[in-house]
């Protein structure tokens, strides 16, 4: 099936260019995933930091691992599918962040503004 310079196949359909990955890419992704899993596991088992610091570090490692999986296993790069898969991912993340932040903001303000005022017990005899 031959293609013209515009990406159309001889039968008029678009050819979809799939990202190519080598065994090297998969091995790098696997090794990074193991490291990004082992370090938080060690942090939880050994407790070298406070609970809050450990939780923050684990969240950072989780975010990095998500990126590693997207790049090395899902092949989501700016070149893949003309950049549309990455664009749709960014749009989805933005919508989810707006929804979560808005929900938390509404729940916080409902909790703050709807609670009846507590009586001041310091003034009681």
N, C-alpha and C. Protein backbone atom coordinates (compact mmCIF):
# COMPACT_ATOMS: atom_id res chain seq x y z
N UNK A 1 0.86 -1.17 0.00
CA UNK A 1 0.00 0.00 0.00
C UNK A 1 0.90 1.23 0.00
N UNK A 2 0.81 2.05 -1.02
CA UNK A 2 1.66 3.23 -1.10
C UNK A 2 0.93 4.43 -0.50
N UNK A 3 1.71 5.37 -0.05
CA UNK A 3 1.12 6.56 0.57
C UNK A 3 1.61 7.80 -0.15
N UNK A 4 0.74 8.78 -0.25
CA UNK A 4 1.16 10.05 -0.85
C UNK A 4 1.79 10.93 0.23
N UNK A 5 2.34 12.08 -0.13
CA UNK A 5 3.02 12.92 0.87
C UNK A 5 2.11 13.44 1.97
N UNK A 6 0.80 13.37 1.79
CA UNK A 6 -0.13 13.90 2.79
C UNK A 6 -0.57 12.85 3.80
N UNK A 7 -0.01 11.66 3.76
CA UNK A 7 -0.35 10.62 4.72
C UNK A 7 -1.55 9.80 4.33
N UNK A 8 -2.03 9.92 3.10
CA UNK A 8 -3.17 9.13 2.65
C UNK A 8 -2.66 7.86 1.99
N UNK A 9 -3.28 6.76 2.29
CA UNK A 9 -2.94 5.51 1.63
C UNK A 9 -3.58 5.49 0.25
N UNK A 10 -3.21 4.49 -0.53
CA UNK A 10 -3.74 4.40 -1.89
C UNK A 10 -5.26 4.26 -1.91
N UNK A 11 -5.82 3.67 -0.84
CA UNK A 11 -7.28 3.49 -0.79
C UNK A 11 -8.00 4.70 -0.19
N UNK A 12 -7.29 5.77 0.12
CA UNK A 12 -7.92 6.99 0.62
C UNK A 12 -7.99 7.09 2.14
N UNK A 13 -7.63 6.04 2.85
CA UNK A 13 -7.65 6.07 4.31
C UNK A 13 -6.33 6.60 4.84
N UNK A 14 -6.39 7.18 6.03
CA UNK A 14 -5.17 7.68 6.67
C UNK A 14 -4.41 6.51 7.26
N UNK A 15 -3.10 6.55 7.10
CA UNK A 15 -2.27 5.56 7.77
C UNK A 15 -1.96 6.08 9.17
N UNK A 16 -2.09 5.22 10.15
CA UNK A 16 -1.80 5.59 11.53
C UNK A 16 -0.39 5.13 11.85
N UNK A 17 0.46 6.09 12.20
CA UNK A 17 1.83 5.75 12.53
C UNK A 17 1.91 5.38 14.00
N UNK A 18 2.23 4.13 14.28
CA UNK A 18 2.34 3.67 15.65
C UNK A 18 3.76 3.91 16.13
N UNK A 19 3.91 4.31 17.38
CA UNK A 19 5.26 4.52 17.90
C UNK A 19 6.00 3.20 17.99
N UNK A 20 7.27 3.26 17.67
CA UNK A 20 8.08 2.05 17.73
C UNK A 20 8.92 2.09 18.98
N UNK A 21 8.98 0.98 19.68
CA UNK A 21 9.79 0.89 20.88
C UNK A 21 10.71 -0.31 20.76
N UNK A 22 11.89 -0.15 21.30
CA UNK A 22 12.84 -1.25 21.28
C UNK A 22 12.83 -1.95 22.63
N UNK A 23 13.50 -3.08 22.67
CA UNK A 23 13.62 -3.81 23.93
C UNK A 23 14.38 -2.94 24.94
N UNK A 24 15.32 -2.13 24.47
CA UNK A 24 16.07 -1.23 25.34
C UNK A 24 15.12 -0.27 26.06
N UNK A 25 14.15 0.31 25.34
CA UNK A 25 13.19 1.23 25.95
C UNK A 25 12.38 0.54 27.04
N UNK A 26 11.93 -0.68 26.76
CA UNK A 26 11.16 -1.41 27.76
C UNK A 26 11.99 -1.75 28.99
N UNK A 27 13.25 -2.12 28.79
CA UNK A 27 14.12 -2.44 29.93
C UNK A 27 14.38 -1.19 30.76
N UNK A 28 14.65 -0.06 30.11
CA UNK A 28 14.86 1.20 30.85
C UNK A 28 13.60 1.55 31.65
N UNK A 29 12.44 1.43 31.03
CA UNK A 29 11.19 1.71 31.74
C UNK A 29 10.98 0.78 32.91
N UNK A 30 11.29 -0.50 32.72
CA UNK A 30 11.11 -1.47 33.81
C UNK A 30 12.05 -1.17 34.97
N UNK A 31 13.32 -0.89 34.67
CA UNK A 31 14.30 -0.60 35.73
C UNK A 31 13.89 0.67 36.48
N UNK A 32 13.50 1.70 35.76
CA UNK A 32 13.05 2.93 36.43
C UNK A 32 11.82 2.67 37.30
N UNK A 33 10.89 1.85 36.82
CA UNK A 33 9.69 1.54 37.60
C UNK A 33 10.03 0.79 38.88
N UNK A 34 10.97 -0.14 38.79
CA UNK A 34 11.38 -0.88 39.99
C UNK A 34 12.04 0.06 41.00
N UNK A 35 12.92 0.93 40.51
CA UNK A 35 13.58 1.88 41.42
C UNK A 35 12.57 2.83 42.05
N UNK A 36 11.63 3.32 41.23
CA UNK A 36 10.63 4.27 41.74
C UNK A 36 9.61 3.59 42.65
N UNK A 37 9.57 2.28 42.68
CA UNK A 37 8.74 1.55 43.62
C UNK A 37 9.53 1.19 44.88
N UNK A 38 10.77 0.80 44.71
CA UNK A 38 11.59 0.34 45.83
C UNK A 38 11.91 1.47 46.81
N UNK A 39 12.19 2.65 46.30
CA UNK A 39 12.55 3.76 47.19
C UNK A 39 11.39 4.14 48.13
N UNK A 40 10.17 4.35 47.63
CA UNK A 40 9.07 4.62 48.58
C UNK A 40 8.82 3.45 49.54
N UNK A 41 8.98 2.22 49.07
CA UNK A 41 8.82 1.07 49.96
C UNK A 41 9.84 1.14 51.09
N UNK A 42 11.08 1.46 50.76
CA UNK A 42 12.11 1.60 51.77
C UNK A 42 11.79 2.74 52.73
N UNK A 43 11.29 3.86 52.19
CA UNK A 43 10.94 5.00 53.05
C UNK A 43 9.88 4.62 54.08
N UNK A 44 8.91 3.83 53.67
CA UNK A 44 7.84 3.42 54.59
C UNK A 44 8.37 2.43 55.63
N UNK A 45 9.22 1.52 55.19
CA UNK A 45 9.72 0.50 56.12
C UNK A 45 10.72 1.06 57.13
N UNK A 46 11.60 1.96 56.70
CA UNK A 46 12.66 2.46 57.58
C UNK A 46 12.28 3.73 58.32
N UNK A 47 11.32 4.49 57.82
CA UNK A 47 10.85 5.74 58.42
C UNK A 47 11.98 6.73 58.74
N UNK A 48 12.78 7.12 57.73
CA UNK A 48 13.85 8.07 58.02
C UNK A 48 13.34 9.51 58.17
N UNK A 49 12.13 9.79 57.71
CA UNK A 49 11.56 11.13 57.77
C UNK A 49 10.25 11.09 58.54
N UNK A 50 9.69 12.27 58.79
CA UNK A 50 8.39 12.34 59.45
C UNK A 50 7.32 11.79 58.51
N UNK A 51 6.15 11.52 59.06
CA UNK A 51 5.07 10.94 58.25
C UNK A 51 4.65 11.87 57.12
N UNK A 52 4.56 13.16 57.40
CA UNK A 52 4.18 14.13 56.36
C UNK A 52 5.20 14.22 55.25
N UNK A 53 6.49 14.26 55.61
CA UNK A 53 7.54 14.33 54.60
C UNK A 53 7.57 13.05 53.77
N UNK A 54 7.40 11.91 54.43
CA UNK A 54 7.38 10.63 53.71
C UNK A 54 6.22 10.59 52.73
N UNK A 55 5.05 11.05 53.13
CA UNK A 55 3.90 11.06 52.23
C UNK A 55 4.15 11.97 51.03
N UNK A 56 4.74 13.13 51.27
CA UNK A 56 5.03 14.06 50.17
C UNK A 56 6.05 13.45 49.20
N UNK A 57 7.08 12.82 49.72
CA UNK A 57 8.09 12.19 48.87
C UNK A 57 7.48 11.06 48.06
N UNK A 58 6.62 10.27 48.67
CA UNK A 58 5.97 9.16 47.96
C UNK A 58 5.08 9.70 46.84
N UNK A 59 4.39 10.81 47.07
CA UNK A 59 3.56 11.39 46.01
C UNK A 59 4.40 11.87 44.83
N UNK A 60 5.57 12.44 45.14
CA UNK A 60 6.47 12.88 44.06
C UNK A 60 6.95 11.67 43.26
N UNK A 61 7.34 10.60 43.95
CA UNK A 61 7.76 9.39 43.26
C UNK A 61 6.62 8.80 42.43
N UNK A 62 5.40 8.87 42.93
CA UNK A 62 4.25 8.37 42.17
C UNK A 62 4.04 9.17 40.89
N UNK A 63 4.17 10.49 40.98
CA UNK A 63 4.00 11.33 39.79
C UNK A 63 5.09 11.03 38.77
N UNK A 64 6.32 10.86 39.23
CA UNK A 64 7.42 10.53 38.31
C UNK A 64 7.17 9.17 37.67
N UNK A 65 6.67 8.22 38.45
CA UNK A 65 6.41 6.90 37.90
C UNK A 65 5.29 6.93 36.85
N UNK A 66 4.31 7.77 37.05
CA UNK A 66 3.26 7.93 36.04
C UNK A 66 3.86 8.40 34.72
N UNK A 67 4.76 9.37 34.80
CA UNK A 67 5.42 9.88 33.59
C UNK A 67 6.26 8.79 32.94
N UNK A 68 7.00 8.03 33.75
CA UNK A 68 7.81 6.93 33.20
C UNK A 68 6.93 5.93 32.47
N UNK A 69 5.81 5.55 33.05
CA UNK A 69 4.91 4.59 32.40
C UNK A 69 4.35 5.16 31.10
N UNK A 70 3.98 6.44 31.11
CA UNK A 70 3.41 7.04 29.91
C UNK A 70 4.44 7.10 28.78
N UNK A 71 5.68 7.41 29.11
CA UNK A 71 6.70 7.55 28.07
C UNK A 71 7.21 6.19 27.59
N UNK A 72 7.58 5.31 28.51
CA UNK A 72 8.24 4.07 28.12
C UNK A 72 7.28 2.94 27.76
N UNK A 73 6.08 2.90 28.32
CA UNK A 73 5.16 1.79 28.04
C UNK A 73 3.98 2.21 27.17
N UNK A 74 3.45 3.40 27.38
CA UNK A 74 2.31 3.85 26.57
C UNK A 74 2.76 4.67 25.36
N UNK A 75 4.05 5.00 25.30
CA UNK A 75 4.64 5.73 24.17
C UNK A 75 3.94 7.06 23.91
N UNK A 76 3.58 7.76 24.96
CA UNK A 76 2.91 9.05 24.82
C UNK A 76 3.96 10.14 24.77
N UNK A 77 4.37 10.46 23.56
CA UNK A 77 5.34 11.51 23.32
C UNK A 77 4.69 12.55 22.42
N UNK A 78 5.27 13.73 22.32
CA UNK A 78 4.69 14.74 21.43
C UNK A 78 4.63 14.30 19.97
N UNK A 79 5.46 13.33 19.57
CA UNK A 79 5.47 12.86 18.19
C UNK A 79 4.40 11.81 17.92
N UNK A 80 3.96 11.08 18.94
CA UNK A 80 3.00 9.99 18.76
C UNK A 80 1.64 10.55 18.36
N UNK A 81 1.07 9.99 17.32
CA UNK A 81 -0.25 10.35 16.80
C UNK A 81 -0.38 11.85 16.56
N UNK A 82 0.68 12.46 16.09
CA UNK A 82 0.64 13.88 15.79
C UNK A 82 0.49 14.76 17.02
N UNK A 83 0.77 14.21 18.20
CA UNK A 83 0.67 14.99 19.43
C UNK A 83 -0.72 14.99 20.06
N UNK A 84 -1.69 14.34 19.41
CA UNK A 84 -3.06 14.39 19.93
C UNK A 84 -3.25 13.58 21.19
N UNK A 85 -2.54 12.47 21.34
CA UNK A 85 -2.71 11.68 22.57
C UNK A 85 -2.18 12.47 23.77
N UNK A 86 -1.06 13.16 23.60
CA UNK A 86 -0.52 13.96 24.69
C UNK A 86 -1.40 15.17 24.97
N UNK A 87 -1.93 15.78 23.92
CA UNK A 87 -2.83 16.93 24.08
C UNK A 87 -4.09 16.53 24.83
N UNK A 88 -4.66 15.39 24.48
CA UNK A 88 -5.87 14.94 25.17
C UNK A 88 -5.58 14.59 26.62
N UNK A 89 -4.39 14.05 26.90
CA UNK A 89 -4.01 13.76 28.28
C UNK A 89 -3.90 15.04 29.10
N UNK A 90 -3.26 16.05 28.55
CA UNK A 90 -3.11 17.33 29.25
C UNK A 90 -4.49 17.94 29.53
N UNK A 91 -5.37 17.91 28.53
CA UNK A 91 -6.72 18.44 28.73
C UNK A 91 -7.46 17.66 29.83
N UNK A 92 -7.34 16.35 29.82
CA UNK A 92 -8.00 15.52 30.85
C UNK A 92 -7.47 15.85 32.23
N UNK A 93 -6.15 16.00 32.36
CA UNK A 93 -5.56 16.32 33.66
C UNK A 93 -6.05 17.69 34.15
N UNK A 94 -6.12 18.65 33.26
CA UNK A 94 -6.59 19.99 33.64
C UNK A 94 -8.04 19.92 34.13
N UNK A 95 -8.90 19.21 33.42
CA UNK A 95 -10.30 19.09 33.82
C UNK A 95 -10.41 18.39 35.18
N UNK A 96 -9.66 17.31 35.38
CA UNK A 96 -9.73 16.59 36.66
C UNK A 96 -9.23 17.47 37.81
N UNK A 97 -8.15 18.21 37.60
CA UNK A 97 -7.64 19.09 38.66
C UNK A 97 -8.66 20.17 38.99
N UNK A 98 -9.29 20.76 37.98
CA UNK A 98 -10.31 21.78 38.23
C UNK A 98 -11.48 21.19 39.00
N UNK A 99 -11.92 20.00 38.62
CA UNK A 99 -13.05 19.37 39.31
C UNK A 99 -12.70 19.03 40.76
N UNK A 100 -11.52 18.46 41.00
CA UNK A 100 -11.13 18.11 42.36
C UNK A 100 -10.93 19.35 43.22
N UNK A 101 -10.23 20.35 42.68
CA UNK A 101 -10.01 21.58 43.46
C UNK A 101 -11.33 22.27 43.75
N UNK A 102 -12.22 22.33 42.78
CA UNK A 102 -13.53 22.95 43.01
C UNK A 102 -14.36 22.21 44.03
N UNK A 103 -14.32 20.87 43.96
CA UNK A 103 -15.08 20.07 44.93
C UNK A 103 -14.55 20.27 46.34
N UNK A 104 -13.22 20.26 46.48
CA UNK A 104 -12.64 20.47 47.81
C UNK A 104 -12.93 21.87 48.33
N UNK A 105 -12.89 22.87 47.45
CA UNK A 105 -13.20 24.24 47.85
C UNK A 105 -14.64 24.36 48.32
N UNK A 106 -15.57 23.77 47.57
CA UNK A 106 -16.99 23.83 47.96
C UNK A 106 -17.20 23.11 49.28
N UNK A 107 -16.62 21.91 49.45
CA UNK A 107 -16.81 21.18 50.70
C UNK A 107 -16.21 21.93 51.89
N UNK A 108 -15.05 22.55 51.69
CA UNK A 108 -14.43 23.31 52.78
C UNK A 108 -15.32 24.48 53.19
N UNK A 109 -15.83 25.22 52.21
CA UNK A 109 -16.65 26.38 52.53
C UNK A 109 -18.01 25.97 53.10
N UNK A 110 -18.56 24.87 52.66
CA UNK A 110 -19.79 24.38 53.27
C UNK A 110 -19.54 24.01 54.72
N UNK A 111 -18.43 23.34 54.99
CA UNK A 111 -18.11 22.95 56.35
C UNK A 111 -17.88 24.19 57.22
N UNK A 112 -17.20 25.17 56.68
CA UNK A 112 -16.90 26.38 57.45
C UNK A 112 -18.14 27.25 57.67
N UNK A 113 -18.95 27.44 56.66
CA UNK A 113 -20.06 28.39 56.73
C UNK A 113 -21.37 27.79 57.22
N UNK A 114 -21.52 26.50 57.21
CA UNK A 114 -22.80 25.90 57.58
C UNK A 114 -22.82 25.40 59.02
N UNK A 115 -21.68 25.35 59.68
CA UNK A 115 -21.66 24.88 61.06
C UNK A 115 -22.22 25.97 61.97
N UNK A 116 -23.07 25.61 62.92
CA UNK A 116 -23.56 26.64 63.86
C UNK A 116 -22.40 27.10 64.74
N UNK A 117 -22.44 28.36 65.15
CA UNK A 117 -21.35 28.85 65.99
C UNK A 117 -21.34 28.11 67.33
N UNK A 118 -20.15 27.79 67.76
CA UNK A 118 -19.99 27.08 69.03
C UNK A 118 -20.07 28.10 70.16
N UNK A 119 -20.73 27.75 71.26
CA UNK A 119 -20.80 28.68 72.38
C UNK A 119 -19.42 28.89 72.99
N UNK A 120 -19.16 30.09 73.43
CA UNK A 120 -17.87 30.42 74.01
C UNK A 120 -17.89 29.97 75.47
N UNK A 121 -17.24 28.88 75.76
CA UNK A 121 -17.26 28.30 77.11
C UNK A 121 -16.26 28.96 78.05
N UNK A 122 -15.38 29.80 77.52
CA UNK A 122 -14.39 30.45 78.39
C UNK A 122 -15.03 31.52 79.25
N UNK A 123 -16.20 32.05 78.88
CA UNK A 123 -16.88 33.11 79.62
C UNK A 123 -17.85 32.57 80.67
N UNK A 124 -18.04 31.26 80.70
CA UNK A 124 -18.98 30.67 81.66
C UNK A 124 -18.37 30.63 83.05
N UNK A 125 -19.21 30.77 84.10
CA UNK A 125 -18.69 30.77 85.48
C UNK A 125 -18.21 29.42 85.92
